[in-house]
Amino acid sequence: MKKAKIEIQEGFEIESFDKEKGEVTFTPKPMNIISRIKTIDDAVKILGDEDPDVKDYWKIESTGITSHVIWHQKLIVITKALNEGWVPDWENGESDKYFNWWNMSDSSSGRFSF
């Protein structure tokens, strides 16, 4: 039996090998979700144009609003894409959830303190 050594290009893996023809088929390795989403456009591509939050984003963007409203909607779309369908169960106190919290009672100047 003859042997051939094939170096697999980074980012790919062997999908199949046909022993009769000697053909090797490669496929891209699935990337981590964080590696795939770098922009709002990446998140929209993953969720699709029919997603309700993406539709809301397009509506807000079409109005020309450039304030915190559009940025908040962008964060909603990106977060939804990064969560890959996972939705936090806010009724379940056993599961960990994280959110911003500022304690401003000790701040004499009224600014944020960490």
N, C-alpha and C. Protein backbone atom coordinates (compact mmCIF):
# COMPACT_ATOMS: atom_id res chain seq x y z
N MET A 1 0.84 -1.18 0.00
CA MET A 1 0.00 0.00 0.00
C MET A 1 0.89 1.24 0.00
N LYS A 2 0.57 2.17 -0.88
CA LYS A 2 1.31 3.42 -0.95
C LYS A 2 0.69 4.41 0.02
N LYS A 3 1.53 5.24 0.58
CA LYS A 3 1.05 6.26 1.51
C LYS A 3 1.43 7.63 0.99
N ALA A 4 0.54 8.57 1.24
CA ALA A 4 0.81 9.96 0.91
C ALA A 4 0.49 10.79 2.14
N LYS A 5 1.35 11.72 2.41
CA LYS A 5 1.11 12.59 3.56
C LYS A 5 0.56 13.91 3.04
N ILE A 6 -0.60 14.28 3.58
CA ILE A 6 -1.26 15.52 3.17
C ILE A 6 -1.34 16.42 4.39
N GLU A 7 -0.85 17.63 4.22
CA GLU A 7 -0.95 18.60 5.31
C GLU A 7 -2.28 19.32 5.19
N ILE A 8 -3.06 19.27 6.26
CA ILE A 8 -4.38 19.89 6.25
C ILE A 8 -4.22 21.37 6.55
N GLN A 9 -4.79 22.18 5.68
CA GLN A 9 -4.72 23.62 5.84
C GLN A 9 -5.43 24.05 7.12
N GLU A 10 -4.86 25.03 7.80
CA GLU A 10 -5.44 25.51 9.05
C GLU A 10 -6.87 25.99 8.82
N GLY A 11 -7.76 25.61 9.72
CA GLY A 11 -9.16 26.00 9.62
C GLY A 11 -10.02 24.99 8.88
N PHE A 12 -9.42 23.88 8.45
CA PHE A 12 -10.16 22.84 7.74
C PHE A 12 -9.98 21.50 8.44
N GLU A 13 -10.91 20.59 8.18
CA GLU A 13 -10.83 19.22 8.68
C GLU A 13 -11.29 18.27 7.59
N ILE A 14 -10.95 16.99 7.74
CA ILE A 14 -11.35 16.00 6.74
C ILE A 14 -12.83 15.69 6.91
N GLU A 15 -13.57 15.85 5.82
CA GLU A 15 -15.00 15.54 5.83
C GLU A 15 -15.22 14.08 5.45
N SER A 16 -14.53 13.64 4.39
CA SER A 16 -14.69 12.25 3.96
C SER A 16 -13.46 11.80 3.18
N PHE A 17 -13.33 10.48 3.07
CA PHE A 17 -12.24 9.88 2.29
C PHE A 17 -12.81 8.73 1.49
N ASP A 18 -12.67 8.80 0.18
CA ASP A 18 -13.14 7.74 -0.71
C ASP A 18 -11.95 6.82 -1.01
N LYS A 19 -11.98 5.60 -0.45
CA LYS A 19 -10.86 4.67 -0.60
C LYS A 19 -10.68 4.22 -2.05
N GLU A 20 -11.76 4.07 -2.78
CA GLU A 20 -11.67 3.60 -4.17
C GLU A 20 -11.01 4.64 -5.07
N LYS A 21 -11.42 5.88 -4.93
CA LYS A 21 -10.89 6.95 -5.78
C LYS A 21 -9.65 7.61 -5.18
N GLY A 22 -9.47 7.44 -3.88
CA GLY A 22 -8.35 8.09 -3.21
C GLY A 22 -8.58 9.58 -3.01
N GLU A 23 -9.85 9.98 -2.98
CA GLU A 23 -10.17 11.40 -2.83
C GLU A 23 -10.46 11.74 -1.37
N VAL A 24 -9.90 12.85 -0.97
CA VAL A 24 -10.13 13.37 0.37
C VAL A 24 -10.91 14.67 0.22
N THR A 25 -12.00 14.79 0.97
CA THR A 25 -12.81 16.01 0.94
C THR A 25 -12.61 16.75 2.25
N PHE A 26 -12.34 18.04 2.14
CA PHE A 26 -12.14 18.87 3.32
C PHE A 26 -13.32 19.80 3.51
N THR A 27 -13.56 20.18 4.74
CA THR A 27 -14.62 21.12 5.06
C THR A 27 -14.09 22.12 6.09
N PRO A 28 -14.56 23.36 6.05
CA PRO A 28 -14.09 24.32 7.06
C PRO A 28 -14.53 23.90 8.46
N LYS A 29 -13.63 24.08 9.42
CA LYS A 29 -13.99 23.79 10.81
C LYS A 29 -14.99 24.84 11.28
N PRO A 30 -15.97 24.41 12.07
CA PRO A 30 -16.90 25.40 12.61
C PRO A 30 -16.16 26.36 13.54
N MET A 31 -16.42 27.63 13.36
CA MET A 31 -15.74 28.64 14.17
C MET A 31 -16.56 28.96 15.42
N ASN A 32 -15.88 29.35 16.45
CA ASN A 32 -16.51 29.81 17.67
C ASN A 32 -17.38 31.02 17.33
N ILE A 33 -18.53 31.15 17.97
CA ILE A 33 -19.46 32.24 17.67
C ILE A 33 -18.81 33.61 17.87
N ILE A 34 -17.94 33.72 18.85
CA ILE A 34 -17.27 35.00 19.10
C ILE A 34 -16.33 35.35 17.95
N SER A 35 -15.76 34.34 17.31
CA SER A 35 -14.89 34.59 16.17
C SER A 35 -15.68 34.98 14.93
N ARG A 36 -16.93 34.55 14.86
CA ARG A 36 -17.74 34.83 13.67
C ARG A 36 -18.43 36.18 13.72
N ILE A 37 -18.68 36.72 14.90
CA ILE A 37 -19.41 37.99 15.01
C ILE A 37 -18.46 39.09 15.45
N LYS A 38 -18.17 39.98 14.52
CA LYS A 38 -17.31 41.13 14.81
C LYS A 38 -18.03 42.45 14.58
N THR A 39 -19.12 42.42 13.82
CA THR A 39 -19.86 43.64 13.50
C THR A 39 -21.36 43.38 13.58
N ILE A 40 -22.13 44.44 13.51
CA ILE A 40 -23.59 44.31 13.48
C ILE A 40 -24.01 43.54 12.23
N ASP A 41 -23.30 43.73 11.13
CA ASP A 41 -23.64 43.02 9.89
C ASP A 41 -23.45 41.51 10.04
N ASP A 42 -22.42 41.10 10.78
CA ASP A 42 -22.21 39.67 11.04
C ASP A 42 -23.37 39.10 11.85
N ALA A 43 -23.83 39.85 12.84
CA ALA A 43 -24.95 39.40 13.67
C ALA A 43 -26.23 39.30 12.86
N VAL A 44 -26.46 40.28 11.99
CA VAL A 44 -27.65 40.27 11.14
C VAL A 44 -27.61 39.07 10.19
N LYS A 45 -26.43 38.78 9.66
CA LYS A 45 -26.28 37.64 8.74
C LYS A 45 -26.62 36.33 9.44
N ILE A 46 -26.22 36.19 10.69
CA ILE A 46 -26.48 34.96 11.45
C ILE A 46 -27.96 34.84 11.80
N LEU A 47 -28.57 35.94 12.24
CA LEU A 47 -29.98 35.89 12.64
C LEU A 47 -30.94 35.88 11.45
N GLY A 48 -30.56 36.54 10.39
CA GLY A 48 -31.42 36.61 9.20
C GLY A 48 -32.30 37.85 9.22
N ASP A 49 -32.71 38.27 8.05
CA ASP A 49 -33.51 39.49 7.92
C ASP A 49 -34.92 39.36 8.47
N GLU A 50 -35.39 38.14 8.69
CA GLU A 50 -36.75 37.94 9.18
C GLU A 50 -36.85 37.93 10.71
N ASP A 51 -35.72 37.99 11.39
CA ASP A 51 -35.73 38.02 12.86
C ASP A 51 -36.42 39.31 13.33
N PRO A 52 -37.32 39.23 14.32
CA PRO A 52 -38.04 40.43 14.77
C PRO A 52 -37.12 41.55 15.28
N ASP A 53 -36.05 41.20 15.98
CA ASP A 53 -35.14 42.23 16.47
C ASP A 53 -34.34 42.87 15.34
N VAL A 54 -34.03 42.09 14.32
CA VAL A 54 -33.34 42.64 13.15
C VAL A 54 -34.28 43.58 12.40
N LYS A 55 -35.54 43.17 12.28
CA LYS A 55 -36.53 44.05 11.62
C LYS A 55 -36.66 45.37 12.37
N ASP A 56 -36.69 45.30 13.71
CA ASP A 56 -36.76 46.53 14.51
C ASP A 56 -35.52 47.39 14.27
N TYR A 57 -34.37 46.75 14.19
CA TYR A 57 -33.12 47.48 13.92
C TYR A 57 -33.21 48.22 12.59
N TRP A 58 -33.68 47.51 11.54
CA TRP A 58 -33.79 48.15 10.22
C TRP A 58 -34.77 49.32 10.25
N LYS A 59 -35.89 49.15 10.99
CA LYS A 59 -36.87 50.24 11.08
C LYS A 59 -36.26 51.47 11.75
N ILE A 60 -35.58 51.26 12.87
CA ILE A 60 -34.97 52.38 13.59
C ILE A 60 -33.90 53.04 12.73
N GLU A 61 -33.09 52.22 12.07
CA GLU A 61 -32.01 52.78 11.25
C GLU A 61 -32.56 53.58 10.07
N SER A 62 -33.68 53.14 9.52
CA SER A 62 -34.25 53.84 8.36
C SER A 62 -34.79 55.22 8.72
N THR A 63 -35.06 55.45 10.01
CA THR A 63 -35.56 56.77 10.44
C THR A 63 -34.44 57.79 10.55
N GLY A 64 -33.20 57.32 10.56
CA GLY A 64 -32.07 58.23 10.68
C GLY A 64 -31.69 58.55 12.11
N ILE A 65 -32.29 57.85 13.07
CA ILE A 65 -31.97 58.08 14.48
C ILE A 65 -30.53 57.62 14.73
N THR A 66 -29.73 58.48 15.33
CA THR A 66 -28.35 58.11 15.62
C THR A 66 -28.05 58.17 17.12
N SER A 67 -29.07 58.25 17.91
CA SER A 67 -28.88 58.37 19.36
C SER A 67 -28.69 57.00 20.00
N HIS A 68 -28.83 56.99 21.30
CA HIS A 68 -28.67 55.75 22.06
C HIS A 68 -29.69 54.69 21.66
N VAL A 69 -30.78 55.09 21.06
CA VAL A 69 -31.83 54.14 20.67
C VAL A 69 -31.30 53.13 19.65
N ILE A 70 -30.63 53.63 18.62
CA ILE A 70 -30.09 52.73 17.59
C ILE A 70 -28.97 51.87 18.16
N TRP A 71 -28.15 52.45 19.03
CA TRP A 71 -27.05 51.68 19.63
C TRP A 71 -27.59 50.59 20.55
N HIS A 72 -28.66 50.88 21.26
CA HIS A 72 -29.27 49.87 22.12
C HIS A 72 -29.82 48.72 21.28
N GLN A 73 -30.46 49.04 20.17
CA GLN A 73 -31.01 47.98 19.31
C GLN A 73 -29.88 47.16 18.69
N LYS A 74 -28.77 47.80 18.35
CA LYS A 74 -27.62 47.05 17.83
C LYS A 74 -27.13 46.06 18.87
N LEU A 75 -27.06 46.49 20.12
CA LEU A 75 -26.63 45.59 21.19
C LEU A 75 -27.59 44.42 21.37
N ILE A 76 -28.88 44.67 21.22
CA ILE A 76 -29.87 43.59 21.32
C ILE A 76 -29.62 42.56 20.23
N VAL A 77 -29.41 43.01 19.00
CA VAL A 77 -29.19 42.10 17.87
C VAL A 77 -27.90 41.31 18.06
N ILE A 78 -26.82 41.99 18.43
CA ILE A 78 -25.53 41.31 18.61
C ILE A 78 -25.61 40.30 19.75
N THR A 79 -26.23 40.68 20.86
CA THR A 79 -26.36 39.78 22.01
C THR A 79 -27.18 38.55 21.64
N LYS A 80 -28.25 38.76 20.91
CA LYS A 80 -29.10 37.64 20.50
C LYS A 80 -28.32 36.67 19.61
N ALA A 81 -27.52 37.20 18.70
CA ALA A 81 -26.71 36.34 17.83
C ALA A 81 -25.65 35.59 18.63
N LEU A 82 -25.00 36.28 19.57
CA LEU A 82 -23.98 35.63 20.38
C LEU A 82 -24.56 34.54 21.28
N ASN A 83 -25.80 34.71 21.72
CA ASN A 83 -26.44 33.71 22.59
C ASN A 83 -26.87 32.46 21.84
N GLU A 84 -26.86 32.49 20.52
CA GLU A 84 -27.18 31.32 19.68
C GLU A 84 -28.48 30.64 20.08
N GLY A 85 -29.51 31.43 20.32
CA GLY A 85 -30.81 30.86 20.64
C GLY A 85 -31.09 30.70 22.13
N TRP A 86 -30.07 30.82 22.96
CA TRP A 86 -30.27 30.70 24.40
C TRP A 86 -30.96 31.96 24.91
N VAL A 87 -32.00 31.78 25.70
CA VAL A 87 -32.73 32.90 26.29
C VAL A 87 -32.69 32.72 27.80
N PRO A 88 -32.25 33.74 28.55
CA PRO A 88 -32.17 33.59 30.00
C PRO A 88 -33.56 33.41 30.62
N ASP A 89 -33.63 32.55 31.60
CA ASP A 89 -34.88 32.33 32.33
C ASP A 89 -34.82 33.20 33.58
N TRP A 90 -35.41 34.38 33.51
CA TRP A 90 -35.32 35.33 34.61
C TRP A 90 -36.12 34.88 35.82
N GLU A 91 -36.99 33.90 35.66
CA GLU A 91 -37.77 33.38 36.78
C GLU A 91 -36.98 32.36 37.60
N ASN A 92 -35.92 31.81 37.04
CA ASN A 92 -35.13 30.78 37.70
C ASN A 92 -33.98 31.42 38.46
N GLY A 93 -34.08 31.44 39.77
CA GLY A 93 -33.04 32.03 40.60
C GLY A 93 -31.81 31.15 40.75
N GLU A 94 -31.89 29.90 40.28
CA GLU A 94 -30.77 28.97 40.37
C GLU A 94 -29.72 29.20 39.28
N SER A 95 -30.12 29.80 38.17
CA SER A 95 -29.16 30.00 37.08
C SER A 95 -28.53 31.38 37.20
N ASP A 96 -27.26 31.45 36.82
CA ASP A 96 -26.51 32.70 36.90
C ASP A 96 -26.92 33.64 35.77
N LYS A 97 -27.08 34.90 36.13
CA LYS A 97 -27.35 35.96 35.16
C LYS A 97 -26.55 37.17 35.59
N TYR A 98 -26.10 37.96 34.63
CA TYR A 98 -25.27 39.11 34.94
C TYR A 98 -25.87 40.36 34.32
N PHE A 99 -25.77 41.45 35.03
CA PHE A 99 -26.25 42.73 34.52
C PHE A 99 -25.46 43.84 35.22
N ASN A 100 -25.49 45.02 34.64
CA ASN A 100 -24.76 46.16 35.21
C ASN A 100 -25.43 46.63 36.49
N TRP A 101 -24.60 47.03 37.44
CA TRP A 101 -25.11 47.55 38.70
C TRP A 101 -24.19 48.66 39.16
N TRP A 102 -24.76 49.82 39.43
CA TRP A 102 -23.98 50.93 39.94
C TRP A 102 -24.54 51.35 41.29
N ASN A 103 -23.66 51.49 42.26
CA ASN A 103 -24.06 51.97 43.57
C ASN A 103 -23.63 53.42 43.65
N MET A 104 -24.57 54.32 43.59
CA MET A 104 -24.25 55.74 43.56
C MET A 104 -24.53 56.42 44.89
N SER A 105 -24.90 55.66 45.91
CA SER A 105 -25.24 56.27 47.19
C SER A 105 -24.02 56.84 47.91
N ASP A 106 -22.82 56.29 47.65
CA ASP A 106 -21.61 56.76 48.32
C ASP A 106 -20.88 57.84 47.53
N SER A 107 -21.38 58.19 46.39
CA SER A 107 -20.69 59.15 45.53
C SER A 107 -21.14 60.57 45.87
N SER A 108 -20.22 61.35 46.40
CA SER A 108 -20.57 62.72 46.78
C SER A 108 -20.69 63.64 45.56
N SER A 109 -20.00 63.29 44.49
CA SER A 109 -20.02 64.15 43.31
C SER A 109 -21.13 63.80 42.34
N GLY A 110 -21.82 62.69 42.58
CA GLY A 110 -22.90 62.29 41.69
C GLY A 110 -22.43 61.54 40.46
N ARG A 111 -21.12 61.25 40.38
CA ARG A 111 -20.60 60.50 39.24
C ARG A 111 -20.62 59.01 39.55
N PHE A 112 -20.40 58.21 38.51
CA PHE A 112 -20.34 56.77 38.71
C PHE A 112 -19.13 56.41 39.56
N SER A 113 -19.30 55.45 40.44
CA SER A 113 -18.16 54.94 41.20
C SER A 113 -18.18 53.43 41.10
N PHE A 114 -17.00 52.86 41.01
CA PHE A 114 -16.90 51.41 40.83
C PHE A 114 -16.23 50.78 42.03
